[in-house]
C-alpha atoms as a PDB file:
ATOM      1  CA  MET A   1       8.508  -6.074   9.682  1.00  0.00           C
ATOM      2  CA  LEU A   2       8.868  -2.523   8.432  1.00  0.00           C
ATOM      3  CA  TYR A   3       9.496   0.243  10.938  1.00  0.00           C
ATOM      4  CA  THR A   4       6.664   2.604  10.062  1.00  0.00           C
ATOM      5  CA  ASN A   5       3.663   3.943  11.924  1.00  0.00           C
ATOM      6  CA  LEU A   6       1.354   2.190   9.476  1.00  0.00           C
ATOM      7  CA  LYS A   7      -0.511  -1.002  10.260  1.00  0.00           C
ATOM      8  CA  HIS A   8       1.526  -4.012   9.148  1.00  0.00           C
ATOM      9  CA  ILE A   9       0.581  -6.972   6.981  1.00  0.00           C
ATOM     10  CA  GLU A  10       2.917  -9.873   7.653  1.00  0.00           C
ATOM     11  CA  THR A  11       1.188 -12.906   6.129  1.00  0.00           C
ATOM     12  CA  ALA A  12      -0.879 -13.805   3.101  1.00  0.00           C
ATOM     13  CA  ALA A  13      -3.708 -14.710   5.485  1.00  0.00           C
ATOM     14  CA  ASP A  14      -3.567 -11.196   7.002  1.00  0.00           C
ATOM     15  CA  TYR A  15      -3.680  -9.710   3.507  1.00  0.00           C
ATOM     16  CA  THR A  16      -6.712 -11.787   2.494  1.00  0.00           C
ATOM     17  CA  LYS A  17      -8.583 -10.940   5.685  1.00  0.00           C
ATOM     18  CA  ILE A  18      -7.882  -7.213   5.438  1.00  0.00           C
ATOM     19  CA  ILE A  19      -8.842  -6.980   1.766  1.00  0.00           C
ATOM     20  CA  SER A  20     -12.088  -8.870   2.332  1.00  0.00           C
ATOM     21  CA  GLU A  21     -13.130  -6.991   5.486  1.00  0.00           C
ATOM     22  CA  THR A  22     -12.029  -3.420   4.727  1.00  0.00           C
ATOM     23  CA  GLU A  23     -14.037  -1.067   2.518  1.00  0.00           C
ATOM     24  CA  SER A  24     -11.116   1.114   1.341  1.00  0.00           C
ATOM     25  CA  THR A  25      -7.518  -0.031   1.707  1.00  0.00           C
ATOM     26  CA  VAL A  26      -4.096   1.155   0.594  1.00  0.00           C
ATOM     27  CA  ILE A  27      -1.175  -1.263   0.854  1.00  0.00           C
ATOM     28  CA  ILE A  28       2.378  -0.032   0.366  1.00  0.00           C
ATOM     29  CA  CYS A  29       4.794  -2.851  -0.367  1.00  0.00           C
ATOM     30  CA  GLY A  30       8.433  -1.876  -0.068  1.00  0.00           C
ATOM     31  CA  ARG A  31      11.628  -1.768   1.928  1.00  0.00           C
ATOM     32  CA  MET A  32      13.184   0.649   4.397  1.00  0.00           C
ATOM     33  CA  GLY A  33      15.009   2.477   1.612  1.00  0.00           C
ATOM     34  CA  THR A  34      15.258   5.928   0.118  1.00  0.00           C
ATOM     35  CA  SER A  35      12.465   5.433  -2.406  1.00  0.00           C
ATOM     36  CA  CYS A  36      10.034   3.809   0.027  1.00  0.00           C
ATOM     37  CA  VAL A  37      10.371   5.712   3.307  1.00  0.00           C
ATOM     38  CA  PRO A  38       8.976   8.984   1.881  1.00  0.00           C
ATOM     39  CA  VAL A  39       5.885   7.125   0.621  1.00  0.00           C
ATOM     40  CA  TYR A  40       5.342   5.542   4.056  1.00  0.00           C
ATOM     41  CA  LYS A  41       5.572   8.994   5.667  1.00  0.00           C
ATOM     42  CA  ILE A  42       3.080  10.432   3.181  1.00  0.00           C
ATOM     43  CA  ALA A  43       0.659   7.585   3.921  1.00  0.00           C
ATOM     44  CA  GLU A  44       1.038   8.228   7.644  1.00  0.00           C
ATOM     45  CA  GLU A  45       0.154  11.901   7.083  1.00  0.00           C
ATOM     46  CA  LEU A  46      -2.745  11.155   4.740  1.00  0.00           C
ATOM     47  CA  GLY A  47      -4.198   8.687   7.238  1.00  0.00           C
ATOM     48  CA  ASP A  48      -5.113  11.665   9.425  1.00  0.00           C
ATOM     49  CA  THR A  49      -7.067  13.270   6.569  1.00  0.00           C
ATOM     50  CA  TYR A  50      -8.576  10.178   4.951  1.00  0.00           C
ATOM     51  CA  LYS A  51     -10.015   8.469   8.019  1.00  0.00           C
ATOM     52  CA  HIS A  52     -12.271   6.233   5.888  1.00  0.00           C
ATOM     53  CA  ILE A  53      -9.226   4.578   4.279  1.00  0.00           C
ATOM     54  CA  GLU A  54      -7.066   1.969   6.005  1.00  0.00           C
ATOM     55  CA  PHE A  55      -3.329   2.316   5.273  1.00  0.00           C
ATOM     56  CA  TYR A  56      -1.002  -0.692   5.593  1.00  0.00           C
ATOM     57  CA  ASP A  57       2.558  -1.613   4.784  1.00  0.00           C
ATOM     58  CA  MET A  58       3.916  -4.969   3.678  1.00  0.00           C
ATOM     59  CA  GLU A  59       7.572  -5.895   3.452  1.00  0.00           C
ATOM     60  CA  PHE A  60       8.581  -6.453  -0.170  1.00  0.00           C
ATOM     61  CA  ASP A  61      11.226  -9.053   0.710  1.00  0.00           C
ATOM     62  CA  ASN A  62       8.855 -11.146   2.805  1.00  0.00           C
ATOM     63  CA  PRO A  63       7.900 -14.247   0.762  1.00  0.00           C
ATOM     64  CA  GLU A  64       4.315 -13.680   1.941  1.00  0.00           C
ATOM     65  CA  SER A  65       4.175 -10.474  -0.133  1.00  0.00           C
ATOM     66  CA  ASN A  66       4.018 -12.625  -3.271  1.00  0.00           C
ATOM     67  CA  ILE A  67       0.252 -12.625  -2.829  1.00  0.00           C
ATOM     68  CA  LEU A  68       0.160  -8.853  -3.364  1.00  0.00           C
ATOM     69  CA  ARG A  69       2.793  -8.834  -6.102  1.00  0.00           C
ATOM     70  CA  ASN A  70       0.817 -11.500  -7.993  1.00  0.00           C
ATOM     71  CA  VAL A  71      -2.425  -9.517  -7.763  1.00  0.00           C
ATOM     72  CA  ILE A  72      -0.655  -6.436  -9.074  1.00  0.00           C
ATOM     73  CA  GLU A  73       1.375  -8.510 -11.567  1.00  0.00           C
ATOM     74  CA  TYR A  74       4.521  -6.797 -10.379  1.00  0.00           C
ATOM     75  CA  TYR A  75       7.973  -8.136 -11.174  1.00  0.00           C
ATOM     76  CA  ASP A  76      10.178  -5.042 -11.602  1.00  0.00           C
ATOM     77  CA  LEU A  77      12.423  -4.883  -8.544  1.00  0.00           C
ATOM     78  CA  ARG A  78      13.808  -1.496  -9.558  1.00  0.00           C
ATOM     79  CA  ASN A  79      10.598   0.447  -9.074  1.00  0.00           C
ATOM     80  CA  ILE A  80       9.448   0.077  -5.469  1.00  0.00           C
ATOM     81  CA  PRO A  81       7.410   0.747  -3.463  1.00  0.00           C
ATOM     82  CA  LEU A  82       4.388  -0.625  -5.178  1.00  0.00           C
ATOM     83  CA  VAL A  83       1.114   0.737  -3.879  1.00  0.00           C
ATOM     84  CA  GLY A  84      -2.168  -1.128  -4.267  1.00  0.00           C
ATOM     85  CA  TYR A  85      -5.473   0.705  -3.822  1.00  0.00           C
ATOM     86  CA  PHE A  86      -8.371  -1.619  -2.978  1.00  0.00           C
ATOM     87  CA  LYS A  87     -12.074  -0.857  -2.796  1.00  0.00           C
ATOM     88  CA  LYS A  88     -14.522  -3.473  -1.536  1.00  0.00           C
ATOM     89  CA  GLY A  89     -11.916  -6.192  -2.029  1.00  0.00           C
ATOM     90  CA  SER A  90     -11.009  -5.277  -5.612  1.00  0.00           C
ATOM     91  CA  LEU A  91      -7.833  -3.662  -6.884  1.00  0.00           C
ATOM     92  CA  VAL A  92      -8.835  -0.294  -8.381  1.00  0.00           C
ATOM     93  CA  GLU A  93      -5.459   1.399  -8.902  1.00  0.00           C
ATOM     94  CA  VAL A  94      -1.735   0.745  -8.697  1.00  0.00           C
ATOM     95  CA  SER A  95       1.208   3.121  -8.469  1.00  0.00           C
ATOM     96  CA  PHE A  96       4.949   2.465  -8.390  1.00  0.00           C
ATOM     97  CA  GLY A  97       8.093   4.154  -7.145  1.00  0.00           C
ATOM     98  CA  VAL A  98       8.658   7.486  -5.484  1.00  0.00           C
ATOM     99  CA  GLN A  99       5.489   9.548  -5.393  1.00  0.00           C
ATOM    100  CA  THR A 100       4.484  12.928  -4.014  1.00  0.00           C
ATOM    101  CA  LYS A 101       1.751  13.596  -1.516  1.00  0.00           C
ATOM    102  CA  GLU A 102      -0.221  15.304  -4.269  1.00  0.00           C
ATOM    103  CA  GLN A 103       0.013  12.293  -6.580  1.00  0.00           C
ATOM    104  CA  ILE A 104      -1.184   9.897  -3.889  1.00  0.00           C
ATOM    105  CA  ALA A 105      -3.956  12.260  -2.737  1.00  0.00           C
ATOM    106  CA  ALA A 106      -5.173  12.570  -6.345  1.00  0.00           C
ATOM    107  CA  ILE A 107      -5.575   8.788  -6.547  1.00  0.00           C
ATOM    108  CA  LEU A 108      -7.331   8.680  -3.166  1.00  0.00           C
ATOM    109  CA  ASN A 109      -9.728  11.446  -4.215  1.00  0.00           C
ATOM    110  CA  ARG A 110     -10.478   9.779  -7.544  1.00  0.00           C
ATOM    111  CA  GLU A 111     -10.948   6.240  -6.232  1.00  0.00           C
ATOM    112  CA  PHE A 112     -12.340   6.660  -2.712  1.00  0.00           C
ATOM    113  CA  ASN A 113     -14.473   9.831  -2.674  1.00  0.00           C
END
């Protein structure tokens, strides 16, 4: 499990349930490393502003995260975290690697407002 203040997805079953039952969802799949931790912190901050969006993390090295990596068609281990933006159960946007708060907020505003 990742040590963030986000809600955690630990299994493929959790992922499927969350995606099917949540209107607007952001899942950050990464590690506790220098490129991922800033994105987790940004998501934690944005969760206070975007109350209609559910923010989750999922550990990249957990074999269960294959379900997310397959949906995103992600195989480049050098560019994490990968962030999936889901609306009504469908993937609407993907972003990779280190991102700024402004970049993430722009995607949220475009896809969820």
